[in-house]
Amino acid sequence: MRLDMTSPRGGKPVESAEELSAIAFSFMASKALFAGLHVDLFTALADGPMSAEDLAHATDVPANRIVILTTALTAIGLLTQTDDGLLAKAPAAEAFLSRKSKHDFGDYLRYQIDRQMYPFLLQLNAVMKDELPDEAIASYHHWMADETQAAIYSESQHAGSLGPGRSLARMVDLSATRSLLDVGGGTGAMTISLCNAYPDLHATIIDFPNVAEIGWRFVTEAGLVDRVRYIPGNAIEAAWPGSQDAILMSYLMSGVPGDAVGPLLDKAFAALAPGGTLIVHDFMVEDDRDGPALAALWQLQHMAFTPEARSLSVGWLTRRGQQTGFDVRPGEALIPAMTKIVVMRKPG
């Protein structure tokens, strides 16, 4: 059975040992992908198919290791073979894993997922049974206080959020919006995409000081220094500016303790002008909790360093938003099978 990395099972019951093995061994497929990115294999193939020997020379990796790695990458569908036996990239690898690609987000996988998220999963077993001391459980607050970790996370996340930001700009009409508050907005990737789509939009981003410093560089490079400002601080604790036309919370609620989610909605309601819009973008599962698989797995990953995190569903978030006083629009998928947006409007 070939491991299908593009089609999560979506709650389908596992019926065979082969299927069970594919799930259990999928971490090997992930590490094969990360190893390929680490040696820049996909960029080496950007100009066309190559033999394993030429690819070994281009990546400065011994030929036997390239043969084993490329065999694995071919088996999981990230590489293909031409009729004359040369190695070539599969369409998704062509579009997203080469540094020469317009839509490359290899750094997001190479740095944030491989170097940060994977190690956190090693403590998941202990987290489940409360076997780790409090100081051993990382949180965004402690994590982002470390300049090195903040830089790795933020710069890689920026590359992974520009595309979703462009999608968000098409899904939510902000043409009449003048002020946006991006709570936990990181390096401003979403804000930059929204400002590019809506020339009259001005934004304030709240995030940790180390993140804000990195984000300001991206804002400067985007030519938006006169339209975007930062408030350095913890988004849960910082004072938010009021009378906002719109508030964005992207990947915020999945990274905070569950008892902070409701107060965040209350705080957003208070900070919005009458008629203002709250946009929540995050990993959300269905109310019956049978998927989507990618959203469910991301929630599990977040629990490894935020043990008190809430498993968000569109239904729960809708009901909680209504209790706060919002009019809530039905949730929509932003990143297919992974994230959704829920749009809430403050009456007025």
C-alpha atoms as a PDB file:
ATOM      1  CA  MET A   1       0.000   0.000   0.000  1.00  0.00           C
ATOM      2  CA  ARG A   2       1.513   3.307  -1.077  1.00  0.00           C
ATOM      3  CA  LEU A   3       1.429   5.961   1.648  1.00  0.00           C
ATOM      4  CA  ASP A   4      -0.897   8.723   0.498  1.00  0.00           C
ATOM      5  CA  MET A   5       0.415  11.952   2.025  1.00  0.00           C
ATOM      6  CA  THR A   6      -2.119  14.154   0.253  1.00  0.00           C
ATOM      7  CA  SER A   7      -5.406  12.527   1.335  1.00  0.00           C
ATOM      8  CA  PRO A   8      -5.953  12.192   5.101  1.00  0.00           C
ATOM      9  CA  ARG A   9      -8.253   9.345   6.022  1.00  0.00           C
ATOM     10  CA  GLY A  10     -10.994  11.624   7.335  1.00  0.00           C
ATOM     11  CA  GLY A  11     -12.308   9.243   9.988  1.00  0.00           C
ATOM     12  CA  LYS A  12     -12.468   6.097   7.834  1.00  0.00           C
ATOM     13  CA  PRO A  13     -11.984   3.073  10.122  1.00  0.00           C
ATOM     14  CA  VAL A  14      -8.674   1.255   9.780  1.00  0.00           C
ATOM     15  CA  GLU A  15      -9.351  -2.298   8.643  1.00  0.00           C
ATOM     16  CA  SER A  16      -5.996  -3.928   7.894  1.00  0.00           C
ATOM     17  CA  ALA A  17      -2.503  -4.296   9.263  1.00  0.00           C
ATOM     18  CA  GLU A  18      -1.236  -2.630   6.099  1.00  0.00           C
ATOM     19  CA  GLU A  19      -3.306   0.485   6.770  1.00  0.00           C
ATOM     20  CA  LEU A  20      -2.269   0.479  10.420  1.00  0.00           C
ATOM     21  CA  SER A  21       1.395   0.254   9.426  1.00  0.00           C
ATOM     22  CA  ALA A  22       0.999   3.140   6.986  1.00  0.00           C
ATOM     23  CA  ILE A  23      -0.244   5.333   9.832  1.00  0.00           C
ATOM     24  CA  ALA A  24       2.390   4.149  12.314  1.00  0.00           C
ATOM     25  CA  PHE A  25       5.231   4.614   9.849  1.00  0.00           C
ATOM     26  CA  SER A  26       4.076   7.947   8.426  1.00  0.00           C
ATOM     27  CA  PHE A  27       6.648   9.719  10.617  1.00  0.00           C
ATOM     28  CA  MET A  28       9.284   8.110   8.379  1.00  0.00           C
ATOM     29  CA  ALA A  29       7.676   9.705   5.336  1.00  0.00           C
ATOM     30  CA  SER A  30       7.741  13.073   7.081  1.00  0.00           C
ATOM     31  CA  LYS A  31      11.425  12.725   7.914  1.00  0.00           C
ATOM     32  CA  ALA A  32      12.162  11.703   4.332  1.00  0.00           C
ATOM     33  CA  LEU A  33      10.540  14.944   3.183  1.00  0.00           C
ATOM     34  CA  PHE A  34      12.494  16.970   5.754  1.00  0.00           C
ATOM     35  CA  ALA A  35      15.763  15.265   4.781  1.00  0.00           C
ATOM     36  CA  GLY A  36      15.132  16.144   1.149  1.00  0.00           C
ATOM     37  CA  LEU A  37      14.593  19.770   2.134  1.00  0.00           C
ATOM     38  CA  HIS A  38      17.660  19.728   4.392  1.00  0.00           C
ATOM     39  CA  VAL A  39      19.982  18.839   1.503  1.00  0.00           C
ATOM     40  CA  ASP A  40      18.053  21.113  -0.906  1.00  0.00           C
ATOM     41  CA  LEU A  41      17.220  18.165  -3.137  1.00  0.00           C
ATOM     42  CA  PHE A  42      14.034  19.692  -4.586  1.00  0.00           C
ATOM     43  CA  THR A  43      15.823  22.907  -5.560  1.00  0.00           C
ATOM     44  CA  ALA A  44      18.580  20.859  -7.200  1.00  0.00           C
ATOM     45  CA  LEU A  45      15.899  19.315  -9.412  1.00  0.00           C
ATOM     46  CA  ALA A  46      14.354  22.683 -10.288  1.00  0.00           C
ATOM     47  CA  ASP A  47      15.950  22.838 -13.743  1.00  0.00           C
ATOM     48  CA  GLY A  48      14.873  19.366 -14.794  1.00  0.00           C
ATOM     49  CA  PRO A  49      15.271  15.621 -14.150  1.00  0.00           C
ATOM     50  CA  MET A  50      18.631  14.271 -13.006  1.00  0.00           C
ATOM     51  CA  SER A  51      20.274  10.937 -12.407  1.00  0.00           C
ATOM     52  CA  ALA A  52      20.916   9.856  -8.829  1.00  0.00           C
ATOM     53  CA  GLU A  53      24.648  10.282  -9.430  1.00  0.00           C
ATOM     54  CA  ASP A  54      24.288  13.857 -10.681  1.00  0.00           C
ATOM     55  CA  LEU A  55      21.904  14.650  -7.851  1.00  0.00           C
ATOM     56  CA  ALA A  56      24.422  13.302  -5.329  1.00  0.00           C
ATOM     57  CA  HIS A  57      27.035  15.634  -6.808  1.00  0.00           C
ATOM     58  CA  ALA A  58      24.665  18.619  -6.806  1.00  0.00           C
ATOM     59  CA  THR A  59      23.682  18.125  -3.153  1.00  0.00           C
ATOM     60  CA  ASP A  60      27.141  17.023  -1.952  1.00  0.00           C
ATOM     61  CA  VAL A  61      25.675  13.839  -0.460  1.00  0.00           C
ATOM     62  CA  PRO A  62      27.161  10.348  -0.980  1.00  0.00           C
ATOM     63  CA  ALA A  63      25.463   8.525  -3.848  1.00  0.00           C
ATOM     64  CA  ASN A  64      24.263   5.552  -1.799  1.00  0.00           C
ATOM     65  CA  ARG A  65      22.431   7.891   0.582  1.00  0.00           C
ATOM     66  CA  ILE A  66      20.838   9.814  -2.265  1.00  0.00           C
ATOM     67  CA  VAL A  67      19.659   6.536  -3.802  1.00  0.00           C
ATOM     68  CA  ILE A  68      18.023   5.429  -0.538  1.00  0.00           C
ATOM     69  CA  LEU A  69      16.444   8.842   0.094  1.00  0.00           C
ATOM     70  CA  THR A  70      15.143   9.312  -3.448  1.00  0.00           C
ATOM     71  CA  THR A  71      13.735   5.784  -3.459  1.00  0.00           C
ATOM     72  CA  ALA A  72      11.743   6.665  -0.348  1.00  0.00           C
ATOM     73  CA  LEU A  73      10.627  10.002  -1.801  1.00  0.00           C
ATOM     74  CA  THR A  74       9.542   8.266  -5.000  1.00  0.00           C
ATOM     75  CA  ALA A  75       7.639   5.620  -3.034  1.00  0.00           C
ATOM     76  CA  ILE A  76       5.629   8.257  -1.158  1.00  0.00           C
ATOM     77  CA  GLY A  77       4.942  10.263  -4.300  1.00  0.00           C
ATOM     78  CA  LEU A  78       7.169  13.339  -3.919  1.00  0.00           C
ATOM     79  CA  LEU A  79       9.475  12.299  -6.780  1.00  0.00           C
ATOM     80  CA  THR A  80       8.795  10.531 -10.046  1.00  0.00           C
ATOM     81  CA  GLN A  81      10.955   8.682 -12.553  1.00  0.00           C
ATOM     82  CA  THR A  82      11.160   9.530 -16.224  1.00  0.00           C
ATOM     83  CA  ASP A  83      11.057   6.842 -18.894  1.00  0.00           C
ATOM     84  CA  ASP A  84      14.841   6.879 -19.059  1.00  0.00           C
ATOM     85  CA  GLY A  85      15.228   6.473 -15.289  1.00  0.00           C
ATOM     86  CA  LEU A  86      15.950  10.054 -14.271  1.00  0.00           C
ATOM     87  CA  LEU A  87      14.516  11.589 -11.111  1.00  0.00           C
ATOM     88  CA  ALA A  88      11.994  14.436 -11.297  1.00  0.00           C
ATOM     89  CA  LYS A  89       9.772  16.308  -8.859  1.00  0.00           C
ATOM     90  CA  ALA A  90       6.089  15.476  -8.456  1.00  0.00           C
ATOM     91  CA  PRO A  91       3.734  18.425  -9.141  1.00  0.00           C
ATOM     92  CA  ALA A  92       3.327  19.415  -5.479  1.00  0.00           C
ATOM     93  CA  ALA A  93       7.075  19.271  -4.896  1.00  0.00           C
ATOM     94  CA  GLU A  94       7.570  21.383  -8.018  1.00  0.00           C
ATOM     95  CA  ALA A  95       5.130  24.022  -6.786  1.00  0.00           C
ATOM     96  CA  PHE A  96       5.949  24.202  -3.087  1.00  0.00           C
ATOM     97  CA  LEU A  97       9.315  22.645  -2.158  1.00  0.00           C
ATOM     98  CA  SER A  98      11.868  24.330  -4.431  1.00  0.00           C
ATOM     99  CA  ARG A  99      13.471  27.615  -3.446  1.00  0.00           C
ATOM    100  CA  LYS A 100      12.998  28.675  -7.074  1.00  0.00           C
ATOM    101  CA  SER A 101       9.218  28.263  -6.858  1.00  0.00           C
ATOM    102  CA  LYS A 102       7.010  31.322  -6.420  1.00  0.00           C
ATOM    103  CA  HIS A 103       4.937  29.474  -3.821  1.00  0.00           C
ATOM    104  CA  ASP A 104       7.802  27.768  -1.979  1.00  0.00           C
ATOM    105  CA  PHE A 105       7.106  27.096   1.698  1.00  0.00           C
ATOM    106  CA  GLY A 106       9.938  24.655   2.250  1.00  0.00           C
ATOM    107  CA  ASP A 107      11.389  26.794   5.043  1.00  0.00           C
ATOM    108  CA  TYR A 108       8.146  26.414   6.977  1.00  0.00           C
ATOM    109  CA  LEU A 109       8.528  22.629   6.836  1.00  0.00           C
ATOM    110  CA  ARG A 110      12.319  22.625   7.145  1.00  0.00           C
ATOM    111  CA  TYR A 111      12.557  24.818  10.220  1.00  0.00           C
ATOM    112  CA  GLN A 112       9.283  25.130  12.119  1.00  0.00           C
ATOM    113  CA  ILE A 113       7.853  21.644  11.575  1.00  0.00           C
ATOM    114  CA  ASP A 114      11.064  19.595  11.580  1.00  0.00           C
ATOM    115  CA  ARG A 115      13.165  21.527  14.095  1.00  0.00           C
ATOM    116  CA  GLN A 116      10.468  22.721  16.495  1.00  0.00           C
ATOM    117  CA  MET A 117       7.161  20.878  16.224  1.00  0.00           C
ATOM    118  CA  TYR A 118       8.605  17.367  15.909  1.00  0.00           C
ATOM    119  CA  PRO A 119      10.708  17.626  19.081  1.00  0.00           C
ATOM    120  CA  PHE A 120       7.669  18.841  21.024  1.00  0.00           C
ATOM    121  CA  LEU A 121       5.776  15.711  20.061  1.00  0.00           C
ATOM    122  CA  LEU A 122       8.380  13.653  21.912  1.00  0.00           C
ATOM    123  CA  GLN A 123       6.880  14.891  25.186  1.00  0.00           C
ATOM    124  CA  LEU A 124       3.272  14.095  24.229  1.00  0.00           C
ATOM    125  CA  ASN A 125       3.125  10.814  26.168  1.00  0.00           C
ATOM    126  CA  ALA A 126       4.310  12.502  29.342  1.00  0.00           C
ATOM    127  CA  VAL A 127       1.916  15.411  28.840  1.00  0.00           C
ATOM    128  CA  MET A 128      -1.038  13.032  28.592  1.00  0.00           C
ATOM    129  CA  LYS A 129      -0.337  11.679  32.090  1.00  0.00           C
ATOM    130  CA  ASP A 130       0.861  14.934  33.716  1.00  0.00           C
ATOM    131  CA  GLU A 131       4.332  13.446  34.110  1.00  0.00           C
ATOM    132  CA  LEU A 132       6.247  16.603  33.145  1.00  0.00           C
ATOM    133  CA  PRO A 133       7.051  19.404  35.582  1.00  0.00           C
ATOM    134  CA  ASP A 134       5.545  22.755  34.691  1.00  0.00           C
ATOM    135  CA  GLU A 135       8.900  24.195  33.687  1.00  0.00           C
ATOM    136  CA  ALA A 136       9.365  21.390  31.133  1.00  0.00           C
ATOM    137  CA  ILE A 137       6.167  22.273  29.287  1.00  0.00           C
ATOM    138  CA  ALA A 138       6.852  24.954  26.745  1.00  0.00           C
ATOM    139  CA  SER A 139       4.319  27.593  25.840  1.00  0.00           C
ATOM    140  CA  TYR A 140       4.304  30.322  23.252  1.00  0.00           C
ATOM    141  CA  HIS A 141       5.003  32.811  26.038  1.00  0.00           C
ATOM    142  CA  HIS A 142       8.260  31.086  27.041  1.00  0.00           C
ATOM    143  CA  TRP A 143       9.096  29.968  23.534  1.00  0.00           C
ATOM    144  CA  MET A 144       8.890  33.435  22.017  1.00  0.00           C
ATOM    145  CA  ALA A 145      11.036  34.864  24.808  1.00  0.00           C
ATOM    146  CA  ASP A 146      13.960  32.943  23.291  1.00  0.00           C
ATOM    147  CA  GLU A 147      15.366  35.036  20.435  1.00  0.00           C
ATOM    148  CA  THR A 148      16.652  32.028  18.490  1.00  0.00           C
ATOM    149  CA  GLN A 149      13.440  30.015  18.758  1.00  0.00           C
ATOM    150  CA  ALA A 150      11.334  33.096  18.032  1.00  0.00           C
ATOM    151  CA  ALA A 151      13.327  33.731  14.860  1.00  0.00           C
ATOM    152  CA  ILE A 152      13.076  30.144  13.618  1.00  0.00           C
ATOM    153  CA  TYR A 153       9.349  29.945  14.289  1.00  0.00           C
ATOM    154  CA  SER A 154       8.432  33.396  13.035  1.00  0.00           C
ATOM    155  CA  GLU A 155      10.410  33.467   9.806  1.00  0.00           C
ATOM    156  CA  SER A 156       9.243  30.021   8.759  1.00  0.00           C
ATOM    157  CA  GLN A 157       5.632  30.756   9.745  1.00  0.00           C
ATOM    158  CA  HIS A 158       5.739  33.920   7.642  1.00  0.00           C
ATOM    159  CA  ALA A 159       6.428  31.878   4.512  1.00  0.00           C
ATOM    160  CA  GLY A 160       3.577  29.524   5.365  1.00  0.00           C
ATOM    161  CA  SER A 161       1.004  32.267   6.021  1.00  0.00           C
ATOM    162  CA  LEU A 162       1.336  34.569   3.011  1.00  0.00           C
ATOM    163  CA  GLY A 163      -0.698  32.245   0.772  1.00  0.00           C
ATOM    164  CA  PRO A 164      -3.527  31.722   3.293  1.00  0.00           C
ATOM    165  CA  GLY A 165      -3.531  35.483   3.804  1.00  0.00           C
ATOM    166  CA  ARG A 166      -4.213  36.024   0.118  1.00  0.00           C
ATOM    167  CA  SER A 167      -7.007  33.450   0.284  1.00  0.00           C
ATOM    168  CA  LEU A 168      -8.492  35.179   3.315  1.00  0.00           C
ATOM    169  CA  ALA A 169      -8.515  38.501   1.448  1.00  0.00           C
ATOM    170  CA  ARG A 170     -10.701  36.902  -1.233  1.00  0.00           C
ATOM    171  CA  MET A 171     -13.056  35.218   1.238  1.00  0.00           C
ATOM    172  CA  VAL A 172     -13.831  38.150   3.544  1.00  0.00           C
ATOM    173  CA  ASP A 173     -14.855  41.523   2.133  1.00  0.00           C
ATOM    174  CA  LEU A 174     -12.880  44.235   3.928  1.00  0.00           C
ATOM    175  CA  SER A 175     -13.388  46.933   1.306  1.00  0.00           C
ATOM    176  CA  ALA A 176     -15.169  49.204   3.801  1.00  0.00           C
ATOM    177  CA  THR A 177     -12.711  48.422   6.617  1.00  0.00           C
ATOM    178  CA  ARG A 178     -10.208  51.055   7.644  1.00  0.00           C
ATOM    179  CA  SER A 179      -8.751  49.667  10.892  1.00  0.00           C
ATOM    180  CA  LEU A 180      -7.666  46.085  11.537  1.00  0.00           C
ATOM    181  CA  LEU A 181      -6.340  44.631  14.785  1.00  0.00           C
ATOM    182  CA  ASP A 182      -4.325  41.445  14.183  1.00  0.00           C
ATOM    183  CA  VAL A 183      -4.135  39.730  17.585  1.00  0.00           C
ATOM    184  CA  GLY A 184      -1.194  37.354  17.836  1.00  0.00           C
ATOM    185  CA  GLY A 185      -0.385  38.362  14.269  1.00  0.00           C
ATOM    186  CA  GLY A 186       3.214  37.136  14.298  1.00  0.00           C
ATOM    187  CA  THR A 187       5.378  38.609  11.565  1.00  0.00           C
ATOM    188  CA  GLY A 188       2.372  40.143   9.873  1.00  0.00           C
ATOM    189  CA  ALA A 189       2.004  37.766   6.932  1.00  0.00           C
ATOM    190  CA  MET A 190      -1.800  37.833   7.093  1.00  0.00           C
ATOM    191  CA  THR A 191      -1.842  41.594   7.652  1.00  0.00           C
ATOM    192  CA  ILE A 192       0.517  42.183   4.728  1.00  0.00           C
ATOM    193  CA  SER A 193      -1.678  40.115   2.417  1.00  0.00           C
ATOM    194  CA  LEU A 194      -4.818  41.955   3.555  1.00  0.00           C
ATOM    195  CA  CYS A 195      -3.192  45.389   3.235  1.00  0.00           C
ATOM    196  CA  ASN A 196      -2.016  44.536  -0.273  1.00  0.00           C
ATOM    197  CA  ALA A 197      -5.571  43.563  -1.204  1.00  0.00           C
ATOM    198  CA  TYR A 198      -7.211  46.587   0.468  1.00  0.00           C
ATOM    199  CA  PRO A 199      -5.236  49.835  -0.050  1.00  0.00           C
ATOM    200  CA  ASP A 200      -7.267  51.823   2.514  1.00  0.00           C
ATOM    201  CA  LEU A 201      -6.643  49.350   5.326  1.00  0.00           C
ATOM    202  CA  HIS A 202      -4.420  50.286   8.299  1.00  0.00           C
ATOM    203  CA  ALA A 203      -3.457  47.627  10.834  1.00  0.00           C
ATOM    204  CA  THR A 204      -2.148  47.123  14.354  1.00  0.00           C
ATOM    205  CA  ILE A 205      -0.424  43.827  15.223  1.00  0.00           C
ATOM    206  CA  ILE A 206      -0.034  42.546  18.786  1.00  0.00           C
ATOM    207  CA  ASP A 207       2.650  39.920  19.410  1.00  0.00           C
ATOM    208  CA  PHE A 208       5.653  39.150  21.593  1.00  0.00           C
ATOM    209  CA  PRO A 209       8.567  41.640  21.427  1.00  0.00           C
ATOM    210  CA  ASN A 210      11.001  39.243  19.731  1.00  0.00           C
ATOM    211  CA  VAL A 211       8.376  38.432  17.118  1.00  0.00           C
ATOM    212  CA  ALA A 212       7.474  42.086  16.592  1.00  0.00           C
ATOM    213  CA  GLU A 213      11.111  42.930  15.873  1.00  0.00           C
ATOM    214  CA  ILE A 214      11.259  40.278  13.152  1.00  0.00           C
ATOM    215  CA  GLY A 215       7.850  41.242  11.824  1.00  0.00           C
ATOM    216  CA  TRP A 216       8.792  44.883  11.454  1.00  0.00           C
ATOM    217  CA  ARG A 217      11.449  43.826   8.946  1.00  0.00           C
ATOM    218  CA  PHE A 218       8.833  42.045   6.832  1.00  0.00           C
ATOM    219  CA  VAL A 219       6.469  45.019   7.107  1.00  0.00           C
ATOM    220  CA  THR A 220       9.284  47.313   5.981  1.00  0.00           C
ATOM    221  CA  GLU A 221      10.178  45.078   3.045  1.00  0.00           C
ATOM    222  CA  ALA A 222       6.496  45.087   2.033  1.00  0.00           C
ATOM    223  CA  GLY A 223       6.501  48.896   1.955  1.00  0.00           C
ATOM    224  CA  LEU A 224       3.802  49.155   4.639  1.00  0.00           C
ATOM    225  CA  VAL A 225       5.541  51.093   7.413  1.00  0.00           C
ATOM    226  CA  ASP A 226       3.010  53.914   7.105  1.00  0.00           C
ATOM    227  CA  ARG A 227       0.029  51.538   7.405  1.00  0.00           C
ATOM    228  CA  VAL A 228       1.078  48.915   9.978  1.00  0.00           C
ATOM    229  CA  ARG A 229       2.232  49.295  13.580  1.00  0.00           C
ATOM    230  CA  TYR A 230       3.148  46.834  16.323  1.00  0.00           C
ATOM    231  CA  ILE A 231       2.169  46.629  19.971  1.00  0.00           C
ATOM    232  CA  PRO A 232       4.853  44.333  21.484  1.00  0.00           C
ATOM    233  CA  GLY A 233       3.365  42.128  24.182  1.00  0.00           C
ATOM    234  CA  ASN A 234       1.386  39.043  25.147  1.00  0.00           C
ATOM    235  CA  ALA A 235      -1.899  39.213  23.240  1.00  0.00           C
ATOM    236  CA  ILE A 236      -3.841  37.805  26.194  1.00  0.00           C
ATOM    237  CA  GLU A 237      -2.493  40.372  28.641  1.00  0.00           C
ATOM    238  CA  ALA A 238      -1.894  43.467  26.485  1.00  0.00           C
ATOM    239  CA  ALA A 239      -4.386  46.340  26.241  1.00  0.00           C
ATOM    240  CA  TRP A 240      -6.109  46.346  22.864  1.00  0.00           C
ATOM    241  CA  PRO A 241      -6.958  49.545  21.001  1.00  0.00           C
ATOM    242  CA  GLY A 242     -10.704  50.103  20.713  1.00  0.00           C
ATOM    243  CA  SER A 243     -13.175  51.083  17.987  1.00  0.00           C
ATOM    244  CA  GLN A 244     -11.667  48.640  15.504  1.00  0.00           C
ATOM    245  CA  ASP A 245     -13.471  47.922  12.239  1.00  0.00           C
ATOM    246  CA  ALA A 246     -12.099  44.368  12.154  1.00  0.00           C
ATOM    247  CA  ILE A 247     -10.120  41.994  14.363  1.00  0.00           C
ATOM    248  CA  LEU A 248      -8.205  38.951  13.123  1.00  0.00           C
ATOM    249  CA  MET A 249      -7.180  35.998  15.285  1.00  0.00           C
ATOM    250  CA  SER A 250      -5.210  33.524  13.194  1.00  0.00           C
ATOM    251  CA  TYR A 251      -3.806  30.387  14.881  1.00  0.00           C
ATOM    252  CA  LEU A 252      -4.270  32.128  18.245  1.00  0.00           C
ATOM    253  CA  MET A 253      -6.966  30.099  19.998  1.00  0.00           C
ATOM    254  CA  SER A 254      -5.278  26.741  19.352  1.00  0.00           C
ATOM    255  CA  GLY A 255      -2.102  27.983  21.040  1.00  0.00           C
ATOM    256  CA  VAL A 256      -3.560  29.258  24.322  1.00  0.00           C
ATOM    257  CA  PRO A 257      -5.101  27.439  27.324  1.00  0.00           C
ATOM    258  CA  GLY A 258      -8.747  26.599  26.798  1.00  0.00           C
ATOM    259  CA  ASP A 259      -9.935  28.898  29.568  1.00  0.00           C
ATOM    260  CA  ALA A 260      -8.475  31.873  27.663  1.00  0.00           C
ATOM    261  CA  VAL A 261     -10.597  31.322  24.534  1.00  0.00           C
ATOM    262  CA  GLY A 262     -13.850  32.725  25.894  1.00  0.00           C
ATOM    263  CA  PRO A 263     -12.189  35.848  27.358  1.00  0.00           C
ATOM    264  CA  LEU A 264     -10.487  36.461  23.993  1.00  0.00           C
ATOM    265  CA  LEU A 265     -13.919  36.570  22.336  1.00  0.00           C
ATOM    266  CA  ASP A 266     -15.204  38.901  25.050  1.00  0.00           C
ATOM    267  CA  LYS A 267     -12.161  41.161  24.636  1.00  0.00           C
ATOM    268  CA  ALA A 268     -12.655  41.244  20.864  1.00  0.00           C
ATOM    269  CA  PHE A 269     -16.315  42.200  21.261  1.00  0.00           C
ATOM    270  CA  ALA A 270     -15.333  45.110  23.499  1.00  0.00           C
ATOM    271  CA  ALA A 271     -12.583  46.315  21.140  1.00  0.00           C
ATOM    272  CA  LEU A 272     -14.749  46.303  17.991  1.00  0.00           C
ATOM    273  CA  ALA A 273     -16.759  49.270  16.799  1.00  0.00           C
ATOM    274  CA  PRO A 274     -20.490  48.631  16.317  1.00  0.00           C
ATOM    275  CA  GLY A 275     -20.884  46.663  13.096  1.00  0.00           C
ATOM    276  CA  GLY A 276     -17.258  45.487  13.328  1.00  0.00           C
ATOM    277  CA  THR A 277     -16.068  42.064  12.187  1.00  0.00           C
ATOM    278  CA  LEU A 278     -14.113  39.374  14.053  1.00  0.00           C
ATOM    279  CA  ILE A 279     -12.343  36.798  11.873  1.00  0.00           C
ATOM    280  CA  VAL A 280     -11.162  33.627  13.629  1.00  0.00           C
ATOM    281  CA  HIS A 281      -8.854  31.396  11.579  1.00  0.00           C
ATOM    282  CA  ASP A 282      -7.612  28.202  13.175  1.00  0.00           C
ATOM    283  CA  PHE A 283      -7.433  24.417  13.221  1.00  0.00           C
ATOM    284  CA  MET A 284     -11.054  23.342  13.720  1.00  0.00           C
ATOM    285  CA  VAL A 285     -12.629  19.894  13.734  1.00  0.00           C
ATOM    286  CA  GLU A 286     -16.216  18.943  13.017  1.00  0.00           C
ATOM    287  CA  ASP A 287     -18.666  18.763  15.910  1.00  0.00           C
ATOM    288  CA  ASP A 288     -18.947  14.970  15.571  1.00  0.00           C
ATOM    289  CA  ARG A 289     -15.137  14.800  15.977  1.00  0.00           C
ATOM    290  CA  ASP A 290     -14.432  12.431  13.092  1.00  0.00           C
ATOM    291  CA  GLY A 291     -12.039  14.863  11.378  1.00  0.00           C
ATOM    292  CA  PRO A 292     -10.688  16.472   9.338  1.00  0.00           C
ATOM    293  CA  ALA A 293      -7.568  14.475  10.097  1.00  0.00           C
ATOM    294  CA  LEU A 294      -5.071  17.290   9.533  1.00  0.00           C
ATOM    295  CA  ALA A 295      -6.947  19.666  11.835  1.00  0.00           C
ATOM    296  CA  ALA A 296      -7.240  16.965  14.514  1.00  0.00           C
ATOM    297  CA  LEU A 297      -3.528  16.137  14.314  1.00  0.00           C
ATOM    298  CA  TRP A 298      -2.531  19.789  14.571  1.00  0.00           C
ATOM    299  CA  GLN A 299      -4.679  20.141  17.666  1.00  0.00           C
ATOM    300  CA  LEU A 300      -2.925  17.102  19.128  1.00  0.00           C
ATOM    301  CA  GLN A 301       0.459  18.634  18.343  1.00  0.00           C
ATOM    302  CA  HIS A 302      -0.462  21.891  20.077  1.00  0.00           C
ATOM    303  CA  MET A 303      -1.471  19.954  23.170  1.00  0.00           C
ATOM    304  CA  ALA A 304       2.118  18.712  23.484  1.00  0.00           C
ATOM    305  CA  PHE A 305       3.194  22.169  24.634  1.00  0.00           C
ATOM    306  CA  THR A 306      -0.164  23.625  25.724  1.00  0.00           C
ATOM    307  CA  PRO A 307      -1.716  20.767  27.740  1.00  0.00           C
ATOM    308  CA  GLU A 308      -4.787  22.818  28.688  1.00  0.00           C
ATOM    309  CA  ALA A 309      -5.589  23.706  25.061  1.00  0.00           C
ATOM    310  CA  ARG A 310      -9.178  23.386  23.812  1.00  0.00           C
ATOM    311  CA  SER A 311     -10.100  21.275  20.800  1.00  0.00           C
ATOM    312  CA  LEU A 312     -11.906  23.884  18.707  1.00  0.00           C
ATOM    313  CA  SER A 313     -14.901  23.030  16.565  1.00  0.00           C
ATOM    314  CA  VAL A 314     -16.921  25.360  14.378  1.00  0.00           C
ATOM    315  CA  GLY A 315     -20.088  24.555  16.314  1.00  0.00           C
ATOM    316  CA  TRP A 316     -18.617  25.303  19.736  1.00  0.00           C
ATOM    317  CA  LEU A 317     -16.995  28.518  18.500  1.00  0.00           C
ATOM    318  CA  THR A 318     -20.259  29.590  16.873  1.00  0.00           C
ATOM    319  CA  ARG A 319     -22.229  29.009  20.070  1.00  0.00           C
ATOM    320  CA  ARG A 320     -19.647  30.773  22.226  1.00  0.00           C
ATOM    321  CA  GLY A 321     -19.569  33.724  19.835  1.00  0.00           C
ATOM    322  CA  GLN A 322     -23.343  33.996  19.956  1.00  0.00           C
ATOM    323  CA  GLN A 323     -23.250  33.951  23.749  1.00  0.00           C
ATOM    324  CA  THR A 324     -20.828  36.868  23.591  1.00  0.00           C
ATOM    325  CA  GLY A 325     -23.301  38.803  21.445  1.00  0.00           C
ATOM    326  CA  PHE A 326     -21.940  38.258  17.938  1.00  0.00           C
ATOM    327  CA  ASP A 327     -23.907  37.419  14.825  1.00  0.00           C
ATOM    328  CA  VAL A 328     -21.987  34.446  13.429  1.00  0.00           C
ATOM    329  CA  ARG A 329     -21.600  33.372   9.813  1.00  0.00           C
ATOM    330  CA  PRO A 330     -21.249  29.634   9.069  1.00  0.00           C
ATOM    331  CA  GLY A 331     -17.640  28.429   9.075  1.00  0.00           C
ATOM    332  CA  GLU A 332     -15.729  27.977   5.816  1.00  0.00           C
ATOM    333  CA  ALA A 333     -12.551  26.077   4.957  1.00  0.00           C
ATOM    334  CA  LEU A 334      -9.500  28.248   4.335  1.00  0.00           C
ATOM    335  CA  ILE A 335      -6.739  25.657   4.039  1.00  0.00           C
ATOM    336  CA  PRO A 336      -8.632  22.580   2.779  1.00  0.00           C
ATOM    337  CA  ALA A 337      -8.975  19.784   5.348  1.00  0.00           C
ATOM    338  CA  MET A 338      -6.896  21.747   7.850  1.00  0.00           C
ATOM    339  CA  THR A 339      -8.148  25.197   8.849  1.00  0.00           C
ATOM    340  CA  LYS A 340     -11.433  27.071   8.825  1.00  0.00           C
ATOM    341  CA  ILE A 341     -12.554  30.639   9.316  1.00  0.00           C
ATOM    342  CA  VAL A 342     -15.501  31.717  11.418  1.00  0.00           C
ATOM    343  CA  VAL A 343     -16.643  35.301  10.808  1.00  0.00           C
ATOM    344  CA  MET A 344     -18.522  37.109  13.575  1.00  0.00           C
ATOM    345  CA  ARG A 345     -20.179  40.526  13.401  1.00  0.00           C
ATOM    346  CA  LYS A 346     -20.832  42.840  16.329  1.00  0.00           C
ATOM    347  CA  PRO A 347     -24.367  44.245  15.992  1.00  0.00           C
ATOM    348  CA  GLY A 348     -24.742  47.979  15.400  1.00  0.00           C
END
